[in-house]
């Protein structure tokens, strides 16, 4: 098995990831729901004769909060791992959330700095580039944002770039692992269950093992 983080896509100037000029990131703002909406744990109550424009705006706000909550959970976990290494697991259990899903969120949040996150792209987009260097993350996320790629299209492009083997790969570490067919199949199944690219899953698993070893 050959584990190689993908490099910049062939065709970029000098094969070096660069931020596109003239394409500013979407503005970051505090999220909330319009005060006319009464929010509860199990429901939403709206006033009578609500203008359609306001109703639509509330729907957009709810959608943004739902999408952003994945990032919030990831950052919350990263903070807990750092500040409360002996207690955060208990706190996670009390959330009643799936542990594997939370681990995925935390890994992406840890690997992709807030300054590189794109509000127009999902956390799943960012998961596809989390195993790459910071510059490569920027380049691929810029491409996905500008071209309107889906998560699957971004994954396909990165895989194609990895297969082509651009010059930028020479700066990355190459790790070769002797593994049986059964082991490889088991790892691929685990990556699929985590809804994660195989290479990204391998890097994430090694990162988590290194973190655990550092804390012991």
C-alpha atoms as a PDB file:
ATOM      1  CA  UNK A   1       0.000   0.000   0.000  1.00  0.00           C
ATOM      2  CA  UNK A   2       1.294   3.430  -0.891  1.00  0.00           C
ATOM      3  CA  UNK A   3       0.035   6.338   1.204  1.00  0.00           C
ATOM      4  CA  UNK A   4       0.766   9.702  -0.397  1.00  0.00           C
ATOM      5  CA  UNK A   5      -1.000  13.001   0.345  1.00  0.00           C
ATOM      6  CA  UNK A   6      -2.171  14.509  -2.936  1.00  0.00           C
ATOM      7  CA  UNK A   7      -0.329  17.481  -4.353  1.00  0.00           C
ATOM      8  CA  UNK A   8      -1.516  20.467  -6.323  1.00  0.00           C
ATOM      9  CA  UNK A   9      -3.441  19.680  -9.466  1.00  0.00           C
ATOM     10  CA  UNK A  10      -1.409  19.687 -12.638  1.00  0.00           C
ATOM     11  CA  UNK A  11      -1.902  22.895 -14.552  1.00  0.00           C
ATOM     12  CA  UNK A  12      -1.698  25.274 -11.598  1.00  0.00           C
ATOM     13  CA  UNK A  13       1.031  27.907 -12.016  1.00  0.00           C
ATOM     14  CA  UNK A  14       4.271  26.189 -11.101  1.00  0.00           C
ATOM     15  CA  UNK A  15       2.211  23.322  -9.637  1.00  0.00           C
ATOM     16  CA  UNK A  16       1.974  25.478  -6.513  1.00  0.00           C
ATOM     17  CA  UNK A  17      -1.391  25.946  -4.796  1.00  0.00           C
ATOM     18  CA  UNK A  18      -2.404  29.597  -4.899  1.00  0.00           C
ATOM     19  CA  UNK A  19      -5.459  31.493  -3.726  1.00  0.00           C
ATOM     20  CA  UNK A  20      -7.558  32.848  -6.564  1.00  0.00           C
ATOM     21  CA  UNK A  21      -7.507  36.606  -6.831  1.00  0.00           C
ATOM     22  CA  UNK A  22     -10.706  38.580  -6.823  1.00  0.00           C
ATOM     23  CA  UNK A  23     -12.744  35.820  -5.198  1.00  0.00           C
ATOM     24  CA  UNK A  24     -13.301  36.899  -1.590  1.00  0.00           C
ATOM     25  CA  UNK A  25     -14.504  34.400   1.001  1.00  0.00           C
ATOM     26  CA  UNK A  26     -18.095  34.534   2.137  1.00  0.00           C
ATOM     27  CA  UNK A  27     -18.525  36.846   5.134  1.00  0.00           C
ATOM     28  CA  UNK A  28     -18.437  35.257   8.569  1.00  0.00           C
ATOM     29  CA  UNK A  29     -21.144  36.381  10.951  1.00  0.00           C
ATOM     30  CA  UNK A  30     -22.746  35.217  14.148  1.00  0.00           C
ATOM     31  CA  UNK A  31     -25.571  32.816  13.490  1.00  0.00           C
ATOM     32  CA  UNK A  32     -29.026  32.897  14.989  1.00  0.00           C
ATOM     33  CA  UNK A  33     -32.710  32.671  14.153  1.00  0.00           C
ATOM     34  CA  UNK A  34     -34.889  35.751  13.798  1.00  0.00           C
ATOM     35  CA  UNK A  35     -36.499  36.654  17.103  1.00  0.00           C
ATOM     36  CA  UNK A  36     -39.988  36.345  15.653  1.00  0.00           C
ATOM     37  CA  UNK A  37     -39.367  32.591  15.518  1.00  0.00           C
ATOM     38  CA  UNK A  38     -39.895  30.812  18.828  1.00  0.00           C
ATOM     39  CA  UNK A  39     -37.382  27.971  18.974  1.00  0.00           C
ATOM     40  CA  UNK A  40     -37.766  24.950  21.215  1.00  0.00           C
ATOM     41  CA  UNK A  41     -35.961  21.629  21.560  1.00  0.00           C
ATOM     42  CA  UNK A  42     -38.688  19.805  19.660  1.00  0.00           C
ATOM     43  CA  UNK A  43     -40.285  22.467  17.518  1.00  0.00           C
ATOM     44  CA  UNK A  44     -40.457  25.892  15.919  1.00  0.00           C
ATOM     45  CA  UNK A  45     -43.368  28.305  16.310  1.00  0.00           C
ATOM     46  CA  UNK A  46     -43.880  31.123  13.814  1.00  0.00           C
ATOM     47  CA  UNK A  47     -46.264  34.103  14.082  1.00  0.00           C
ATOM     48  CA  UNK A  48     -49.383  34.415  11.957  1.00  0.00           C
ATOM     49  CA  UNK A  49     -49.194  36.327   8.662  1.00  0.00           C
ATOM     50  CA  UNK A  50     -45.410  36.129   8.480  1.00  0.00           C
ATOM     51  CA  UNK A  51     -44.163  37.722   5.214  1.00  0.00           C
ATOM     52  CA  UNK A  52     -42.852  35.122   2.794  1.00  0.00           C
ATOM     53  CA  UNK A  53     -39.470  36.880   2.607  1.00  0.00           C
ATOM     54  CA  UNK A  54     -39.075  36.611   6.379  1.00  0.00           C
ATOM     55  CA  UNK A  55     -40.188  32.974   6.358  1.00  0.00           C
ATOM     56  CA  UNK A  56     -37.582  32.221   3.684  1.00  0.00           C
ATOM     57  CA  UNK A  57     -34.873  34.037   5.635  1.00  0.00           C
ATOM     58  CA  UNK A  58     -35.628  31.993   8.754  1.00  0.00           C
ATOM     59  CA  UNK A  59     -35.289  28.804   6.718  1.00  0.00           C
ATOM     60  CA  UNK A  60     -31.890  29.936   5.468  1.00  0.00           C
ATOM     61  CA  UNK A  61     -30.800  30.716   9.023  1.00  0.00           C
ATOM     62  CA  UNK A  62     -31.860  27.276  10.254  1.00  0.00           C
ATOM     63  CA  UNK A  63     -30.023  25.620   7.363  1.00  0.00           C
ATOM     64  CA  UNK A  64     -26.824  27.532   8.159  1.00  0.00           C
ATOM     65  CA  UNK A  65     -27.008  26.604  11.832  1.00  0.00           C
ATOM     66  CA  UNK A  66     -27.578  22.946  10.981  1.00  0.00           C
ATOM     67  CA  UNK A  67     -24.570  22.893   8.649  1.00  0.00           C
ATOM     68  CA  UNK A  68     -22.361  24.876  11.031  1.00  0.00           C
ATOM     69  CA  UNK A  69     -23.122  22.636  14.003  1.00  0.00           C
ATOM     70  CA  UNK A  70     -20.746  19.998  12.621  1.00  0.00           C
ATOM     71  CA  UNK A  71     -17.876  22.482  12.814  1.00  0.00           C
ATOM     72  CA  UNK A  72     -18.971  23.574  16.288  1.00  0.00           C
ATOM     73  CA  UNK A  73     -18.931  19.992  17.530  1.00  0.00           C
ATOM     74  CA  UNK A  74     -15.504  19.410  15.999  1.00  0.00           C
ATOM     75  CA  UNK A  75     -14.001  22.539  17.559  1.00  0.00           C
ATOM     76  CA  UNK A  76     -15.695  21.721  20.879  1.00  0.00           C
ATOM     77  CA  UNK A  77     -14.067  18.287  20.890  1.00  0.00           C
ATOM     78  CA  UNK A  78     -10.627  19.609  19.940  1.00  0.00           C
ATOM     79  CA  UNK A  79     -10.850  22.084  22.814  1.00  0.00           C
ATOM     80  CA  UNK A  80     -11.888  19.327  25.218  1.00  0.00           C
ATOM     81  CA  UNK A  81      -9.076  17.039  24.098  1.00  0.00           C
ATOM     82  CA  UNK A  82      -6.575  19.798  24.807  1.00  0.00           C
ATOM     83  CA  UNK A  83      -7.985  21.293  28.004  1.00  0.00           C
ATOM     84  CA  UNK A  84      -9.595  18.267  29.683  1.00  0.00           C
ATOM     85  CA  UNK A  85      -7.754  15.162  28.428  1.00  0.00           C
ATOM     86  CA  UNK A  86      -8.975  13.082  31.370  1.00  0.00           C
ATOM     87  CA  UNK A  87     -12.611  14.180  31.255  1.00  0.00           C
ATOM     88  CA  UNK A  88     -13.643  14.955  27.688  1.00  0.00           C
ATOM     89  CA  UNK A  89     -14.571  11.353  26.835  1.00  0.00           C
ATOM     90  CA  UNK A  90     -17.175  11.344  29.595  1.00  0.00           C
ATOM     91  CA  UNK A  91     -18.564  14.627  28.291  1.00  0.00           C
ATOM     92  CA  UNK A  92     -18.768  13.153  24.786  1.00  0.00           C
ATOM     93  CA  UNK A  93     -20.730  10.174  26.087  1.00  0.00           C
ATOM     94  CA  UNK A  94     -23.229  12.521  27.695  1.00  0.00           C
ATOM     95  CA  UNK A  95     -23.995  14.168  24.356  1.00  0.00           C
ATOM     96  CA  UNK A  96     -25.615  10.915  23.127  1.00  0.00           C
ATOM     97  CA  UNK A  97     -23.955  11.503  19.746  1.00  0.00           C
ATOM     98  CA  UNK A  98     -22.237   8.833  17.669  1.00  0.00           C
ATOM     99  CA  UNK A  99     -18.603   8.648  18.793  1.00  0.00           C
ATOM    100  CA  UNK A 100     -17.220   7.807  15.347  1.00  0.00           C
ATOM    101  CA  UNK A 101     -19.038  10.744  13.774  1.00  0.00           C
ATOM    102  CA  UNK A 102     -17.697  13.079  16.444  1.00  0.00           C
ATOM    103  CA  UNK A 103     -14.177  11.761  15.919  1.00  0.00           C
ATOM    104  CA  UNK A 104     -14.506  12.557  12.218  1.00  0.00           C
ATOM    105  CA  UNK A 105     -15.651  16.101  12.997  1.00  0.00           C
ATOM    106  CA  UNK A 106     -12.824  16.600  15.489  1.00  0.00           C
ATOM    107  CA  UNK A 107     -10.172  15.330  13.087  1.00  0.00           C
ATOM    108  CA  UNK A 108     -11.272  17.685  10.313  1.00  0.00           C
ATOM    109  CA  UNK A 109     -11.549  20.624  12.724  1.00  0.00           C
ATOM    110  CA  UNK A 110      -8.048  19.937  14.021  1.00  0.00           C
ATOM    111  CA  UNK A 111      -6.454  19.539  10.593  1.00  0.00           C
ATOM    112  CA  UNK A 112      -8.193  22.451   8.833  1.00  0.00           C
ATOM    113  CA  UNK A 113      -7.590  25.749  10.585  1.00  0.00           C
ATOM    114  CA  UNK A 114     -10.498  28.186  10.907  1.00  0.00           C
ATOM    115  CA  UNK A 115      -8.678  30.625   8.628  1.00  0.00           C
ATOM    116  CA  UNK A 116      -8.790  28.099   5.767  1.00  0.00           C
ATOM    117  CA  UNK A 117     -12.405  27.001   6.101  1.00  0.00           C
ATOM    118  CA  UNK A 118     -14.782  28.008   3.328  1.00  0.00           C
ATOM    119  CA  UNK A 119     -18.323  28.943   4.421  1.00  0.00           C
ATOM    120  CA  UNK A 120     -19.629  28.048   0.966  1.00  0.00           C
ATOM    121  CA  UNK A 121     -18.326  24.474   1.273  1.00  0.00           C
ATOM    122  CA  UNK A 122     -19.487  21.696   3.574  1.00  0.00           C
ATOM    123  CA  UNK A 123     -17.435  20.074   6.292  1.00  0.00           C
ATOM    124  CA  UNK A 124     -17.360  17.008   4.036  1.00  0.00           C
ATOM    125  CA  UNK A 125     -15.505  19.043   1.390  1.00  0.00           C
ATOM    126  CA  UNK A 126     -12.931  19.993   3.995  1.00  0.00           C
ATOM    127  CA  UNK A 127     -12.620  16.364   5.110  1.00  0.00           C
ATOM    128  CA  UNK A 128     -11.396  15.486   1.618  1.00  0.00           C
ATOM    129  CA  UNK A 129      -8.398  17.828   1.954  1.00  0.00           C
ATOM    130  CA  UNK A 130      -7.716  17.445   5.684  1.00  0.00           C
ATOM    131  CA  UNK A 131      -4.776  15.087   5.113  1.00  0.00           C
ATOM    132  CA  UNK A 132      -3.014  17.591   2.829  1.00  0.00           C
ATOM    133  CA  UNK A 133      -0.639  20.430   3.634  1.00  0.00           C
ATOM    134  CA  UNK A 134      -2.055  23.875   4.413  1.00  0.00           C
ATOM    135  CA  UNK A 135      -1.140  25.260   0.979  1.00  0.00           C
ATOM    136  CA  UNK A 136      -2.677  22.273  -0.785  1.00  0.00           C
ATOM    137  CA  UNK A 137      -5.826  22.592   1.295  1.00  0.00           C
ATOM    138  CA  UNK A 138      -6.148  26.221   0.220  1.00  0.00           C
ATOM    139  CA  UNK A 139      -5.629  25.402  -3.440  1.00  0.00           C
ATOM    140  CA  UNK A 140      -8.139  22.549  -3.599  1.00  0.00           C
ATOM    141  CA  UNK A 141     -10.759  24.366  -1.529  1.00  0.00           C
ATOM    142  CA  UNK A 142     -10.414  27.427  -3.756  1.00  0.00           C
ATOM    143  CA  UNK A 143     -10.931  25.230  -6.810  1.00  0.00           C
ATOM    144  CA  UNK A 144     -13.971  23.499  -5.309  1.00  0.00           C
ATOM    145  CA  UNK A 145     -15.505  26.800  -4.239  1.00  0.00           C
ATOM    146  CA  UNK A 146     -14.903  28.587  -7.529  1.00  0.00           C
ATOM    147  CA  UNK A 147     -15.966  25.669  -9.746  1.00  0.00           C
ATOM    148  CA  UNK A 148     -18.920  24.641  -7.597  1.00  0.00           C
ATOM    149  CA  UNK A 149     -17.676  21.071  -7.136  1.00  0.00           C
ATOM    150  CA  UNK A 150     -19.615  18.619  -5.002  1.00  0.00           C
ATOM    151  CA  UNK A 151     -17.777  16.685  -2.304  1.00  0.00           C
ATOM    152  CA  UNK A 152     -17.643  13.654  -4.591  1.00  0.00           C
ATOM    153  CA  UNK A 153     -16.252  15.695  -7.476  1.00  0.00           C
ATOM    154  CA  UNK A 154     -13.540  17.146  -5.231  1.00  0.00           C
ATOM    155  CA  UNK A 155     -12.656  13.634  -4.079  1.00  0.00           C
ATOM    156  CA  UNK A 156     -12.484  12.435  -7.683  1.00  0.00           C
ATOM    157  CA  UNK A 157     -10.200  15.306  -8.702  1.00  0.00           C
ATOM    158  CA  UNK A 158      -7.818  14.718  -5.806  1.00  0.00           C
ATOM    159  CA  UNK A 159      -7.671  10.999  -6.544  1.00  0.00           C
ATOM    160  CA  UNK A 160      -6.953  11.694 -10.210  1.00  0.00           C
ATOM    161  CA  UNK A 161      -4.194  14.109  -9.246  1.00  0.00           C
ATOM    162  CA  UNK A 162      -2.705  11.551  -6.880  1.00  0.00           C
ATOM    163  CA  UNK A 163      -2.786   8.909  -9.620  1.00  0.00           C
ATOM    164  CA  UNK A 164      -1.112  11.242 -12.123  1.00  0.00           C
ATOM    165  CA  UNK A 165       1.641  12.008  -9.610  1.00  0.00           C
ATOM    166  CA  UNK A 166       2.498  15.692 -10.028  1.00  0.00           C
ATOM    167  CA  UNK A 167       5.917  17.148  -9.212  1.00  0.00           C
ATOM    168  CA  UNK A 168       4.527  18.644  -6.003  1.00  0.00           C
ATOM    169  CA  UNK A 169       4.415  15.157  -4.508  1.00  0.00           C
ATOM    170  CA  UNK A 170       8.189  15.058  -4.289  1.00  0.00           C
ATOM    171  CA  UNK A 171       8.039  17.377  -1.276  1.00  0.00           C
ATOM    172  CA  UNK A 172       5.738  15.009   0.621  1.00  0.00           C
ATOM    173  CA  UNK A 173       6.645  11.977   2.688  1.00  0.00           C
ATOM    174  CA  UNK A 174       5.995   8.595   1.085  1.00  0.00           C
ATOM    175  CA  UNK A 175       5.012   5.774   3.430  1.00  0.00           C
ATOM    176  CA  UNK A 176       4.903   2.168   2.250  1.00  0.00           C
ATOM    177  CA  UNK A 177       3.205  -0.430   4.417  1.00  0.00           C
ATOM    178  CA  UNK A 178       3.289  -4.185   3.954  1.00  0.00           C
ATOM    179  CA  UNK A 179      -0.280  -5.400   4.415  1.00  0.00           C
ATOM    180  CA  UNK A 180      -2.268  -8.484   3.544  1.00  0.00           C
ATOM    181  CA  UNK A 181      -5.258  -8.381   1.230  1.00  0.00           C
ATOM    182  CA  UNK A 182      -7.499  -8.996   4.245  1.00  0.00           C
ATOM    183  CA  UNK A 183      -5.976  -6.077   6.149  1.00  0.00           C
ATOM    184  CA  UNK A 184      -6.341  -3.735   3.202  1.00  0.00           C
ATOM    185  CA  UNK A 185      -9.953  -4.800   2.732  1.00  0.00           C
ATOM    186  CA  UNK A 186     -10.677  -4.288   6.431  1.00  0.00           C
ATOM    187  CA  UNK A 187      -9.141  -0.799   6.359  1.00  0.00           C
ATOM    188  CA  UNK A 188     -11.064   0.176   3.250  1.00  0.00           C
ATOM    189  CA  UNK A 189     -14.309  -1.012   4.850  1.00  0.00           C
ATOM    190  CA  UNK A 190     -13.565   1.093   7.936  1.00  0.00           C
ATOM    191  CA  UNK A 191     -12.879   4.160   5.782  1.00  0.00           C
ATOM    192  CA  UNK A 192     -16.129   3.595   3.884  1.00  0.00           C
ATOM    193  CA  UNK A 193     -18.102   3.305   7.130  1.00  0.00           C
ATOM    194  CA  UNK A 194     -16.545   6.597   8.245  1.00  0.00           C
ATOM    195  CA  UNK A 195     -17.507   8.122   4.869  1.00  0.00           C
ATOM    196  CA  UNK A 196     -13.876   9.117   4.434  1.00  0.00           C
ATOM    197  CA  UNK A 197     -11.375   8.906   1.585  1.00  0.00           C
ATOM    198  CA  UNK A 198      -9.085   5.921   2.214  1.00  0.00           C
ATOM    199  CA  UNK A 199      -5.839   7.908   2.304  1.00  0.00           C
ATOM    200  CA  UNK A 200      -7.400  10.545   4.547  1.00  0.00           C
ATOM    201  CA  UNK A 201      -8.682   7.780   6.845  1.00  0.00           C
ATOM    202  CA  UNK A 202      -5.201   6.237   7.113  1.00  0.00           C
ATOM    203  CA  UNK A 203      -3.629   9.608   7.932  1.00  0.00           C
ATOM    204  CA  UNK A 204      -6.368  10.387  10.462  1.00  0.00           C
ATOM    205  CA  UNK A 205      -5.953   7.011  12.170  1.00  0.00           C
ATOM    206  CA  UNK A 206      -2.186   7.471  12.436  1.00  0.00           C
ATOM    207  CA  UNK A 207      -2.656  11.017  13.754  1.00  0.00           C
ATOM    208  CA  UNK A 208      -5.034   9.776  16.437  1.00  0.00           C
ATOM    209  CA  UNK A 209      -2.618   7.018  17.455  1.00  0.00           C
ATOM    210  CA  UNK A 210       0.211   9.559  17.695  1.00  0.00           C
ATOM    211  CA  UNK A 211      -1.941  11.861  19.832  1.00  0.00           C
ATOM    212  CA  UNK A 212      -2.818   9.017  22.204  1.00  0.00           C
ATOM    213  CA  UNK A 213       0.835   8.022  22.494  1.00  0.00           C
ATOM    214  CA  UNK A 214       1.827  11.621  23.235  1.00  0.00           C
ATOM    215  CA  UNK A 215      -0.685  11.810  26.093  1.00  0.00           C
ATOM    216  CA  UNK A 216       0.541   8.629  27.802  1.00  0.00           C
END
